[in-house]
């Protein structure tokens, strides 16, 4: 009986070893399957993370580009505003200068008109004096000039001299 029990024990030990080997093989197979599934999931997760990171980088790069563009636009708008302000200041300065020049031109035109009037008056006086002189010469051949005529000639000469002095005194041009 002991022998029988020993044989049975050995048989059971072999069965147990076989079962244990079989179980270990099954467990190993299941673990390989699980590990393969886990590896596949891990690789998928890594791929997704890389994809998201790439998208995130692309989004970050786009955002950075937009931020740079906005900063550049802001700088350009500031420069435009400064230029517009400077143009406004220059425009006001130019308008003030133009007003001064316009008033100078108006004054010069008025002065020119006065000079032209003086010239016309002097030419008329000159013609009158020439006529009087010619009349005196014609009358002088006939008779001596009267005192009134001589006084008028002297008066005309005096008036012309006074006008010439006035003209020279008011003429802004340098004398030669």
C-alpha atoms as a PDB file:
ATOM      1  CA  UNK A   1       0.000   0.000   0.000  1.00  0.00           C
ATOM      2  CA  UNK A   2       2.712   2.461   0.727  1.00  0.00           C
ATOM      3  CA  UNK A   3       4.159   1.713  -2.629  1.00  0.00           C
ATOM      4  CA  UNK A   4       0.881   2.318  -4.164  1.00  0.00           C
ATOM      5  CA  UNK A   5       0.501   5.549  -2.343  1.00  0.00           C
ATOM      6  CA  UNK A   6       3.991   6.579  -3.342  1.00  0.00           C
ATOM      7  CA  UNK A   7       3.219   5.772  -6.958  1.00  0.00           C
ATOM      8  CA  UNK A   8      -0.031   7.650  -6.741  1.00  0.00           C
ATOM      9  CA  UNK A   9       1.796  10.534  -5.123  1.00  0.00           C
ATOM     10  CA  UNK A  10       4.349  10.584  -7.934  1.00  0.00           C
ATOM     11  CA  UNK A  11       1.592  10.413 -10.482  1.00  0.00           C
ATOM     12  CA  UNK A  12      -0.183  13.290  -8.800  1.00  0.00           C
ATOM     13  CA  UNK A  13       3.051  15.239  -8.593  1.00  0.00           C
ATOM     14  CA  UNK A  14       3.562  14.750 -12.341  1.00  0.00           C
ATOM     15  CA  UNK A  15       0.002  15.767 -13.006  1.00  0.00           C
ATOM     16  CA  UNK A  16       0.516  18.722 -10.793  1.00  0.00           C
ATOM     17  CA  UNK A  17       3.723  19.631 -12.644  1.00  0.00           C
ATOM     18  CA  UNK A  18       1.962  19.221 -15.962  1.00  0.00           C
ATOM     19  CA  UNK A  19      -0.974  21.275 -14.744  1.00  0.00           C
ATOM     20  CA  UNK A  20       1.409  23.829 -13.289  1.00  0.00           C
ATOM     21  CA  UNK A  21       3.353  24.003 -16.560  1.00  0.00           C
ATOM     22  CA  UNK A  22       0.134  24.258 -18.483  1.00  0.00           C
ATOM     23  CA  UNK A  23      -1.163  26.963 -16.163  1.00  0.00           C
ATOM     24  CA  UNK A  24       2.141  28.805 -16.350  1.00  0.00           C
ATOM     25  CA  UNK A  25       2.044  28.593 -20.157  1.00  0.00           C
ATOM     26  CA  UNK A  26      -1.524  29.904 -20.131  1.00  0.00           C
ATOM     27  CA  UNK A  27      -0.628  32.681 -17.711  1.00  0.00           C
ATOM     28  CA  UNK A  28       2.433  33.519 -19.814  1.00  0.00           C
ATOM     29  CA  UNK A  29       0.268  33.545 -22.939  1.00  0.00           C
ATOM     30  CA  UNK A  30      -2.311  35.758 -21.268  1.00  0.00           C
ATOM     31  CA  UNK A  31       0.421  38.030 -19.962  1.00  0.00           C
ATOM     32  CA  UNK A  32       1.907  38.248 -23.454  1.00  0.00           C
ATOM     33  CA  UNK A  33      -1.534  39.136 -24.805  1.00  0.00           C
ATOM     34  CA  UNK A  34      -2.047  41.678 -22.026  1.00  0.00           C
ATOM     35  CA  UNK A  35       1.436  43.102 -22.579  1.00  0.00           C
ATOM     36  CA  UNK A  36       0.815  43.285 -26.324  1.00  0.00           C
ATOM     37  CA  UNK A  37      -2.492  45.045 -25.695  1.00  0.00           C
ATOM     38  CA  UNK A  38      -0.831  47.366 -23.174  1.00  0.00           C
ATOM     39  CA  UNK A  39       2.042  48.057 -25.599  1.00  0.00           C
ATOM     40  CA  UNK A  40      -0.466  48.797 -28.350  1.00  0.00           C
ATOM     41  CA  UNK A  41      -2.424  51.145 -26.036  1.00  0.00           C
ATOM     42  CA  UNK A  42       0.827  52.740 -24.842  1.00  0.00           C
ATOM     43  CA  UNK A  43       1.979  53.324 -28.431  1.00  0.00           C
ATOM     44  CA  UNK A  44      -1.445  54.744 -29.305  1.00  0.00           C
ATOM     45  CA  UNK A  45      -1.314  57.042 -26.290  1.00  0.00           C
ATOM     46  CA  UNK A  46       2.197  58.183 -27.246  1.00  0.00           C
ATOM     47  CA  UNK A  47       1.045  58.799 -30.827  1.00  0.00           C
ATOM     48  CA  UNK A  48      -1.952  60.787 -29.580  1.00  0.00           C
ATOM     49  CA  UNK A  49       0.215  62.791 -27.176  1.00  0.00           C
ATOM     50  CA  UNK A  50       2.737  63.491 -29.950  1.00  0.00           C
ATOM     51  CA  UNK A  51      -0.086  64.510 -32.268  1.00  0.00           C
ATOM     52  CA  UNK A  52      -1.591  66.769 -29.617  1.00  0.00           C
ATOM     53  CA  UNK A  53       1.840  68.194 -28.830  1.00  0.00           C
ATOM     54  CA  UNK A  54       2.455  68.855 -32.523  1.00  0.00           C
ATOM     55  CA  UNK A  55      -0.973  70.457 -32.820  1.00  0.00           C
ATOM     56  CA  UNK A  56      -0.326  72.366 -29.618  1.00  0.00           C
ATOM     57  CA  UNK A  57       3.032  73.518 -31.007  1.00  0.00           C
ATOM     58  CA  UNK A  58       1.367  74.511 -34.260  1.00  0.00           C
ATOM     59  CA  UNK A  59      -1.322  76.352 -32.303  1.00  0.00           C
ATOM     60  CA  UNK A  60       1.355  77.942 -30.111  1.00  0.00           C
ATOM     61  CA  UNK A  61       3.338  78.959 -33.188  1.00  0.00           C
ATOM     62  CA  UNK A  62       0.208  80.386 -34.803  1.00  0.00           C
ATOM     63  CA  UNK A  63      -0.652  82.212 -31.589  1.00  0.00           C
ATOM     64  CA  UNK A  64       2.897  83.553 -31.375  1.00  0.00           C
ATOM     65  CA  UNK A  65       2.713  84.698 -35.004  1.00  0.00           C
ATOM     66  CA  UNK A  66      -0.633  86.372 -34.319  1.00  0.00           C
ATOM     67  CA  UNK A  67       0.775  88.045 -31.206  1.00  0.00           C
ATOM     68  CA  UNK A  68       3.796  89.287 -33.184  1.00  0.00           C
ATOM     69  CA  UNK A  69       1.523  90.526 -35.976  1.00  0.00           C
ATOM     70  CA  UNK A  70      -0.711  92.318 -33.456  1.00  0.00           C
ATOM     71  CA  UNK A  71       2.339  93.955 -31.841  1.00  0.00           C
ATOM     72  CA  UNK A  72       3.631  95.035 -35.262  1.00  0.00           C
ATOM     73  CA  UNK A  73       0.195  96.414 -36.218  1.00  0.00           C
ATOM     74  CA  UNK A  74       0.037  98.278 -32.915  1.00  0.00           C
ATOM     75  CA  UNK A  75       3.505  99.768 -33.506  1.00  0.00           C
ATOM     76  CA  UNK A  76       2.565 100.794 -37.043  1.00  0.00           C
ATOM     77  CA  UNK A  77      -0.689 102.378 -35.854  1.00  0.00           C
ATOM     78  CA  UNK A  78       1.276 104.367 -33.258  1.00  0.00           C
ATOM     79  CA  UNK A  79       3.695 105.525 -35.965  1.00  0.00           C
ATOM     80  CA  UNK A  80       0.788 106.498 -38.226  1.00  0.00           C
ATOM     81  CA  UNK A  81      -0.772 108.469 -35.372  1.00  0.00           C
ATOM     82  CA  UNK A  82       2.542 110.242 -34.699  1.00  0.00           C
ATOM     83  CA  UNK A  83       2.894 111.048 -38.412  1.00  0.00           C
ATOM     84  CA  UNK A  84      -0.651 112.423 -38.562  1.00  0.00           C
ATOM     85  CA  UNK A  85       0.041 114.612 -35.520  1.00  0.00           C
ATOM     86  CA  UNK A  86       3.277 115.877 -37.091  1.00  0.00           C
ATOM     87  CA  UNK A  87       1.462 116.563 -40.360  1.00  0.00           C
ATOM     88  CA  UNK A  88      -1.166 118.524 -38.416  1.00  0.00           C
ATOM     89  CA  UNK A  89       1.519 120.588 -36.686  1.00  0.00           C
ATOM     90  CA  UNK A  90       3.271 121.198 -39.993  1.00  0.00           C
ATOM     91  CA  UNK A  91      -0.024 122.150 -41.631  1.00  0.00           C
ATOM     92  CA  UNK A  92      -0.772 124.709 -38.896  1.00  0.00           C
ATOM     93  CA  UNK A  93       2.742 126.125 -39.171  1.00  0.00           C
ATOM     94  CA  UNK A  94       2.435 126.321 -42.948  1.00  0.00           C
ATOM     95  CA  UNK A  95      -0.976 128.011 -42.709  1.00  0.00           C
ATOM     96  CA  UNK A  96       0.427 130.601 -40.294  1.00  0.00           C
ATOM     97  CA  UNK A  97       3.387 131.204 -42.594  1.00  0.00           C
ATOM     98  CA  UNK A  98       1.068 131.497 -45.598  1.00  0.00           C
ATOM     99  CA  UNK A  99      -1.057 134.075 -43.750  1.00  0.00           C
ATOM    100  CA  UNK A 100       2.067 136.114 -43.003  1.00  0.00           C
ATOM    101  CA  UNK A 101       3.197 135.888 -46.629  1.00  0.00           C
ATOM    102  CA  UNK A 102      -0.297 136.796 -47.875  1.00  0.00           C
ATOM    103  CA  UNK A 103      -0.357 139.888 -45.664  1.00  0.00           C
ATOM    104  CA  UNK A 104       3.134 140.833 -46.892  1.00  0.00           C
ATOM    105  CA  UNK A 105       1.999 140.395 -50.510  1.00  0.00           C
ATOM    106  CA  UNK A 106      -1.097 142.516 -49.858  1.00  0.00           C
ATOM    107  CA  UNK A 107       1.041 145.265 -48.288  1.00  0.00           C
ATOM    108  CA  UNK A 108       3.488 145.142 -51.211  1.00  0.00           C
ATOM    109  CA  UNK A 109       0.628 145.339 -53.734  1.00  0.00           C
ATOM    110  CA  UNK A 110      -0.817 148.329 -51.902  1.00  0.00           C
ATOM    111  CA  UNK A 111       2.607 149.988 -51.877  1.00  0.00           C
ATOM    112  CA  UNK A 112       3.079 149.208 -55.589  1.00  0.00           C
ATOM    113  CA  UNK A 113      -0.301 150.751 -56.352  1.00  0.00           C
ATOM    114  CA  UNK A 114       0.694 153.897 -54.442  1.00  0.00           C
ATOM    115  CA  UNK A 115       3.990 154.083 -56.363  1.00  0.00           C
ATOM    116  CA  UNK A 116       2.169 153.664 -59.672  1.00  0.00           C
ATOM    117  CA  UNK A 117      -0.224 156.448 -58.687  1.00  0.00           C
ATOM    118  CA  UNK A 118       2.732 158.659 -57.763  1.00  0.00           C
ATOM    119  CA  UNK A 119       4.375 157.892 -61.114  1.00  0.00           C
ATOM    120  CA  UNK A 120       1.163 158.724 -62.991  1.00  0.00           C
ATOM    121  CA  UNK A 121       0.838 161.984 -61.006  1.00  0.00           C
ATOM    122  CA  UNK A 122       4.473 162.853 -61.697  1.00  0.00           C
ATOM    123  CA  UNK A 123       4.093 162.089 -65.397  1.00  0.00           C
ATOM    124  CA  UNK A 124       0.963 164.252 -65.540  1.00  0.00           C
ATOM    125  CA  UNK A 125       2.800 167.039 -63.707  1.00  0.00           C
ATOM    126  CA  UNK A 126       5.755 166.642 -66.048  1.00  0.00           C
ATOM    127  CA  UNK A 127       3.494 166.880 -69.104  1.00  0.00           C
ATOM    128  CA  UNK A 128       1.791 169.920 -67.618  1.00  0.00           C
ATOM    129  CA  UNK A 129       5.150 171.542 -66.932  1.00  0.00           C
ATOM    130  CA  UNK A 130       6.345 170.785 -70.454  1.00  0.00           C
ATOM    131  CA  UNK A 131       3.150 172.307 -71.849  1.00  0.00           C
ATOM    132  CA  UNK A 132       3.581 175.323 -69.594  1.00  0.00           C
ATOM    133  CA  UNK A 133       7.225 175.598 -70.597  1.00  0.00           C
ATOM    134  CA  UNK A 134       6.387 175.324 -74.274  1.00  0.00           C
ATOM    135  CA  UNK A 135       3.631 177.873 -73.752  1.00  0.00           C
ATOM    136  CA  UNK A 136       6.110 180.129 -71.990  1.00  0.00           C
ATOM    137  CA  UNK A 137       8.571 179.726 -74.831  1.00  0.00           C
ATOM    138  CA  UNK A 138       5.862 180.507 -77.333  1.00  0.00           C
ATOM    139  CA  UNK A 139       4.655 183.433 -75.226  1.00  0.00           C
ATOM    140  CA  UNK A 140       8.255 184.439 -74.470  1.00  0.00           C
ATOM    141  CA  UNK A 141       8.900 184.924 -78.091  1.00  0.00           C
ATOM    142  CA  UNK A 142       5.892 187.207 -78.047  1.00  0.00           C
ATOM    143  CA  UNK A 143       6.356 188.687 -74.586  1.00  0.00           C
ATOM    144  CA  UNK A 144       8.009 188.271 -71.237  1.00  0.00           C
ATOM    145  CA  UNK A 145       6.323 185.836 -68.777  1.00  0.00           C
ATOM    146  CA  UNK A 146       4.167 187.455 -66.162  1.00  0.00           C
ATOM    147  CA  UNK A 147       4.938 187.186 -62.487  1.00  0.00           C
ATOM    148  CA  UNK A 148       1.936 184.882 -61.993  1.00  0.00           C
ATOM    149  CA  UNK A 149       3.199 182.539 -64.697  1.00  0.00           C
ATOM    150  CA  UNK A 150       6.696 182.507 -63.228  1.00  0.00           C
ATOM    151  CA  UNK A 151       5.280 181.800 -59.755  1.00  0.00           C
ATOM    152  CA  UNK A 152       3.177 178.940 -61.121  1.00  0.00           C
ATOM    153  CA  UNK A 153       6.251 177.436 -62.843  1.00  0.00           C
ATOM    154  CA  UNK A 154       8.260 177.730 -59.613  1.00  0.00           C
ATOM    155  CA  UNK A 155       5.320 176.253 -57.670  1.00  0.00           C
ATOM    156  CA  UNK A 156       5.082 173.316 -60.090  1.00  0.00           C
ATOM    157  CA  UNK A 157       8.827 172.707 -59.799  1.00  0.00           C
ATOM    158  CA  UNK A 158       8.617 172.837 -55.999  1.00  0.00           C
ATOM    159  CA  UNK A 159       5.703 170.370 -55.971  1.00  0.00           C
ATOM    160  CA  UNK A 160       7.625 167.971 -58.212  1.00  0.00           C
ATOM    161  CA  UNK A 161      10.708 168.182 -55.997  1.00  0.00           C
ATOM    162  CA  UNK A 162       8.610 167.527 -52.886  1.00  0.00           C
ATOM    163  CA  UNK A 163       6.985 164.504 -54.521  1.00  0.00           C
ATOM    164  CA  UNK A 164      10.372 163.176 -55.575  1.00  0.00           C
ATOM    165  CA  UNK A 165      11.726 163.607 -52.021  1.00  0.00           C
ATOM    166  CA  UNK A 166       8.635 161.862 -50.627  1.00  0.00           C
ATOM    167  CA  UNK A 167       9.046 159.043 -53.108  1.00  0.00           C
ATOM    168  CA  UNK A 168      12.751 158.624 -52.266  1.00  0.00           C
ATOM    169  CA  UNK A 169      12.021 158.695 -48.528  1.00  0.00           C
ATOM    170  CA  UNK A 170       9.297 156.034 -48.735  1.00  0.00           C
ATOM    171  CA  UNK A 171      11.006 153.819 -51.325  1.00  0.00           C
ATOM    172  CA  UNK A 172      12.297 150.689 -49.490  1.00  0.00           C
ATOM    173  CA  UNK A 173      14.665 149.759 -52.329  1.00  0.00           C
ATOM    174  CA  UNK A 174      18.350 150.423 -51.634  1.00  0.00           C
ATOM    175  CA  UNK A 175      19.798 153.465 -53.395  1.00  0.00           C
ATOM    176  CA  UNK A 176      22.669 153.000 -55.771  1.00  0.00           C
END
